[in-house]
Structures are given as structure tokens and as C-alpha cells.
């Protein structure tokens, strides 16, 4: 039986199951910290530092660029150079989970590319929800396809950032 039928949710909760912006940011940070904790316990230290520190830096630069050129605006803080700090946890956590998943079936650079595909697929399934909930807005007017309001360049960026981030760990694994 669905929880709604059991009377477990208020009317407001029934209308929207997506967390508030604070809840969304908190969940994103928790996923990133959980991924980091798993890496600390299971990976060599250098691989963990390479993926999480290197990945956070690449994600920060990529986000800052698209914010600076007015293609993207985030609506949740705190921010540095327009980049909300929580997204750095989201990027690295998603890439780590995608890379670990890829490593279950392959290794090396093949796993890196597979992680890029998996992380980009995840973004394709979820990014439009963040737009719909008002967590961020795409402000570009570039021509080209959009998937549920999310521009093509976002997915290209996810693939590039995810692949580079996963690639940082390979020399140390």
C-alpha cells in the first residue's frame, strides 16, 4: 500500500516529494560525504585525493565558466564565484559512484569512459527536476537540442567533467 493511502503525509507533502532547497543541498552534501568516506576506507589515499580534490577543482572551474558567461544561474547558497559549494559534493559523489559502478565490469580507461557515460545518464534523468524546482536556471539562448529544458551543452559538460574526474584516480588504483 502506498504511504499516501496510509495517511502518513500532509497535504503539502503529497503535492511535492522533492526536498526544499536546503534539504536538496543537504542530501547532495551527504551523498558526496558518503562517497568520500567509502573512498577513504576502500581506495589508496592518493586515488581518493586525486578524484575528490581534482574533481572538485574541475567541477568548480566548469561551473564558474558557465556562470560567468551567463549560461547558468544557481539559486542555492552559499556560493563562491556564483558556484554553490554543495554542487562540488554532488559532482564528486556522482562521479565516484559512477566510477565504482564501472569498475565492477571493467577497469582502467574503459572504466573512466563508462563512468562518464553513467554520470551523464544520471544527470539526464535528474537535472530537469532541479530546473523545475528552481534550484538553478539555464539562462543561455544557444541553438541546439534541449532535453526537458536542459541544454545539450550541459550533458557535454557532464561527460567531460565526469570523465576527467574519474581519470584523475586511474594512475593511483
Protein backbone atom coordinates (compact mmCIF):
# COMPACT_ATOMS: atom_id res chain seq x y z
CA UNK A 1 0.00 0.00 0.00
CA UNK A 2 1.30 3.48 -0.87
CA UNK A 3 2.20 5.76 2.07
CA UNK A 4 -0.36 8.37 0.87
CA UNK A 5 -3.16 5.88 1.40
CA UNK A 6 -1.94 5.23 4.90
CA UNK A 7 -2.28 8.93 5.76
CA UNK A 8 1.42 9.35 6.54
CA UNK A 9 1.91 12.57 4.55
CA UNK A 10 0.38 16.01 4.98
CA UNK A 11 -1.35 17.62 2.00
CA UNK A 12 1.78 19.72 1.32
CA UNK A 13 3.98 16.64 1.34
CA UNK A 14 1.63 14.86 -1.04
CA UNK A 15 1.93 17.71 -3.57
CA UNK A 16 5.72 17.70 -3.67
CA UNK A 17 8.08 14.93 -2.70
CA UNK A 18 11.13 16.91 -3.87
CA UNK A 19 13.03 18.32 -0.88
CA UNK A 20 13.28 22.03 -0.16
CA UNK A 21 16.36 23.80 -1.47
CA UNK A 22 18.04 23.41 1.93
CA UNK A 23 17.06 19.74 2.05
CA UNK A 24 18.25 19.21 -1.51
CA UNK A 25 21.63 20.78 -0.76
CA UNK A 26 21.94 18.77 2.47
CA UNK A 27 21.17 15.49 0.70
CA UNK A 28 23.67 16.34 -2.05
CA UNK A 29 26.40 17.06 0.50
CA UNK A 30 25.55 13.84 2.39
CA UNK A 31 25.89 11.76 -0.78
CA UNK A 32 29.23 13.40 -1.53
CA UNK A 33 30.49 12.85 2.02
CA UNK A 34 29.27 9.24 1.97
CA UNK A 35 31.12 8.65 -1.28
CA UNK A 36 34.25 10.27 0.17
CA UNK A 37 34.03 8.13 3.32
CA UNK A 38 33.71 4.99 1.18
CA UNK A 39 36.73 6.02 -0.88
CA UNK A 40 38.80 6.71 2.25
CA UNK A 41 38.01 3.22 3.53
CA UNK A 42 38.49 1.33 0.25
CA UNK A 43 40.91 3.22 -2.02
CA UNK A 44 44.55 4.26 -1.76
CA UNK A 45 44.83 7.75 -0.32
CA UNK A 46 46.30 9.24 -3.49
CA UNK A 47 43.41 7.95 -5.62
CA UNK A 48 40.90 9.40 -3.17
CA UNK A 49 42.62 12.79 -3.12
CA UNK A 50 43.01 12.80 -6.90
CA UNK A 51 39.34 12.09 -7.60
CA UNK A 52 37.77 14.23 -4.88
CA UNK A 53 40.12 17.23 -4.80
CA UNK A 54 40.87 17.17 -8.52
CA UNK A 55 37.24 16.57 -9.36
CA UNK A 56 36.03 19.39 -7.11
CA UNK A 57 38.50 21.76 -8.76
CA UNK A 58 37.45 20.76 -12.31
CA UNK A 59 33.76 20.99 -11.39
CA UNK A 60 34.28 24.40 -9.76
CA UNK A 61 36.05 25.78 -12.83
CA UNK A 62 33.43 24.34 -15.22
CA UNK A 63 30.55 25.73 -13.16
CA UNK A 64 32.26 29.12 -12.76
CA UNK A 65 32.79 29.40 -16.52
CA UNK A 66 29.16 28.77 -17.46
CA UNK A 67 28.01 31.11 -14.69
CA UNK A 68 30.42 33.85 -15.80
CA UNK A 69 29.24 33.67 -19.42
CA UNK A 70 25.61 33.82 -18.24
CA UNK A 71 24.51 30.35 -19.33
CA UNK A 72 23.60 29.18 -15.83
CA UNK A 73 22.41 30.69 -12.59
CA UNK A 74 22.25 28.83 -9.27
CA UNK A 75 19.68 29.81 -6.64
CA UNK A 76 21.06 27.98 -3.57
CA UNK A 77 23.97 29.25 -1.48
CA UNK A 78 26.47 29.63 -0.02
CA UNK A 79 28.38 30.41 -3.22
CA UNK A 80 31.91 31.25 -4.28
CA UNK A 81 32.16 32.99 -7.67
CA UNK A 82 28.50 32.10 -8.20
CA UNK A 83 29.15 28.38 -7.64
CA UNK A 84 27.22 26.85 -4.73
CA UNK A 85 29.55 24.83 -2.55
CA UNK A 86 27.12 21.91 -2.33
CA UNK A 87 27.49 21.18 -6.06
CA UNK A 88 31.14 20.22 -5.56
CA UNK A 89 29.97 17.38 -3.31
CA UNK A 90 27.33 16.44 -5.86
CA UNK A 91 29.78 16.28 -8.74
CA UNK A 92 32.42 14.26 -6.92
CA UNK A 93 29.90 11.95 -5.25
CA UNK A 94 28.10 11.20 -8.52
CA UNK A 95 31.37 10.58 -10.38
CA UNK A 96 32.75 8.35 -7.64
CA UNK A 97 29.58 6.24 -7.60
CA UNK A 98 29.56 6.05 -11.41
CA UNK A 99 33.26 5.10 -11.47
CA UNK A 100 32.86 2.45 -8.78
CA UNK A 101 29.94 1.01 -10.75
CA UNK A 102 32.00 0.97 -13.95
CA UNK A 103 34.88 -0.71 -12.10
CA UNK A 104 32.58 -3.64 -11.33
CA UNK A 105 32.61 -4.63 -15.00
CA UNK A 106 35.80 -3.17 -16.46
CA UNK A 107 38.94 -1.29 -15.45
CA UNK A 108 41.38 1.42 -16.46
CA UNK A 109 40.46 3.95 -19.10
CA UNK A 110 37.46 1.94 -20.26
CA UNK A 111 36.00 2.35 -16.76
CA UNK A 112 36.74 6.09 -16.94
CA UNK A 113 34.71 6.48 -20.13
CA UNK A 114 31.96 4.25 -18.75
CA UNK A 115 31.86 6.41 -15.60
CA UNK A 116 31.45 9.49 -17.78
CA UNK A 117 28.54 7.86 -19.58
CA UNK A 118 26.92 6.68 -16.33
CA UNK A 119 27.27 10.07 -14.61
CA UNK A 120 25.91 11.88 -17.67
CA UNK A 121 22.99 9.47 -17.84
CA UNK A 122 22.26 10.17 -14.18
CA UNK A 123 22.27 13.89 -14.93
CA UNK A 124 19.94 13.34 -17.88
CA UNK A 125 17.48 11.66 -15.55
CA UNK A 126 17.64 14.25 -12.78
CA UNK A 127 18.77 17.70 -13.98
CA UNK A 128 15.35 18.75 -15.22
CA UNK A 129 13.97 18.25 -11.69
CA UNK A 130 16.43 20.82 -10.32
CA UNK A 131 15.28 23.25 -13.00
CA UNK A 132 11.61 22.57 -12.27
CA UNK A 133 12.15 23.05 -8.53
CA UNK A 134 14.03 26.32 -9.07
CA UNK A 135 17.43 25.22 -7.77
CA UNK A 136 19.11 26.51 -10.94
CA UNK A 137 18.15 28.15 -14.23
CA UNK A 138 19.69 27.80 -17.67
CA UNK A 139 19.92 31.33 -19.00
CA UNK A 140 21.60 30.71 -22.35
CA UNK A 141 19.99 31.21 -25.73
CA UNK A 142 22.27 28.86 -27.64
CA UNK A 143 20.75 26.94 -30.52
CA UNK A 144 20.55 23.21 -30.26
CA UNK A 145 18.53 20.49 -28.63
CA UNK A 146 17.25 20.54 -25.09
CA UNK A 147 16.04 17.64 -23.02
CA UNK A 148 13.25 18.72 -20.68
CA UNK A 149 14.58 22.27 -20.72
CA UNK A 150 18.21 21.24 -20.13
CA UNK A 151 20.58 22.33 -22.94
CA UNK A 152 22.83 19.96 -24.85
CA UNK A 153 25.99 21.63 -23.58
CA UNK A 154 25.12 20.66 -20.00
CA UNK A 155 25.30 16.98 -20.93
CA UNK A 156 28.52 17.50 -22.89
CA UNK A 157 29.92 19.24 -19.81
CA UNK A 158 28.82 16.43 -17.52
CA UNK A 159 30.54 13.89 -19.74
CA UNK A 160 33.76 15.94 -19.92
CA UNK A 161 33.94 16.80 -16.21
CA UNK A 162 32.97 13.27 -15.14
CA UNK A 163 35.48 11.61 -17.43
CA UNK A 164 38.30 13.94 -16.39
CA UNK A 165 37.43 13.48 -12.72
CA UNK A 166 37.38 9.68 -12.91
CA UNK A 167 40.60 9.77 -14.91
CA UNK A 168 42.43 11.50 -12.07
CA UNK A 169 42.17 8.33 -9.95
CA UNK A 170 43.40 5.80 -12.54
CA UNK A 171 47.17 6.24 -12.01
CA UNK A 172 46.74 5.51 -8.30
CA UNK A 173 44.47 2.47 -8.43
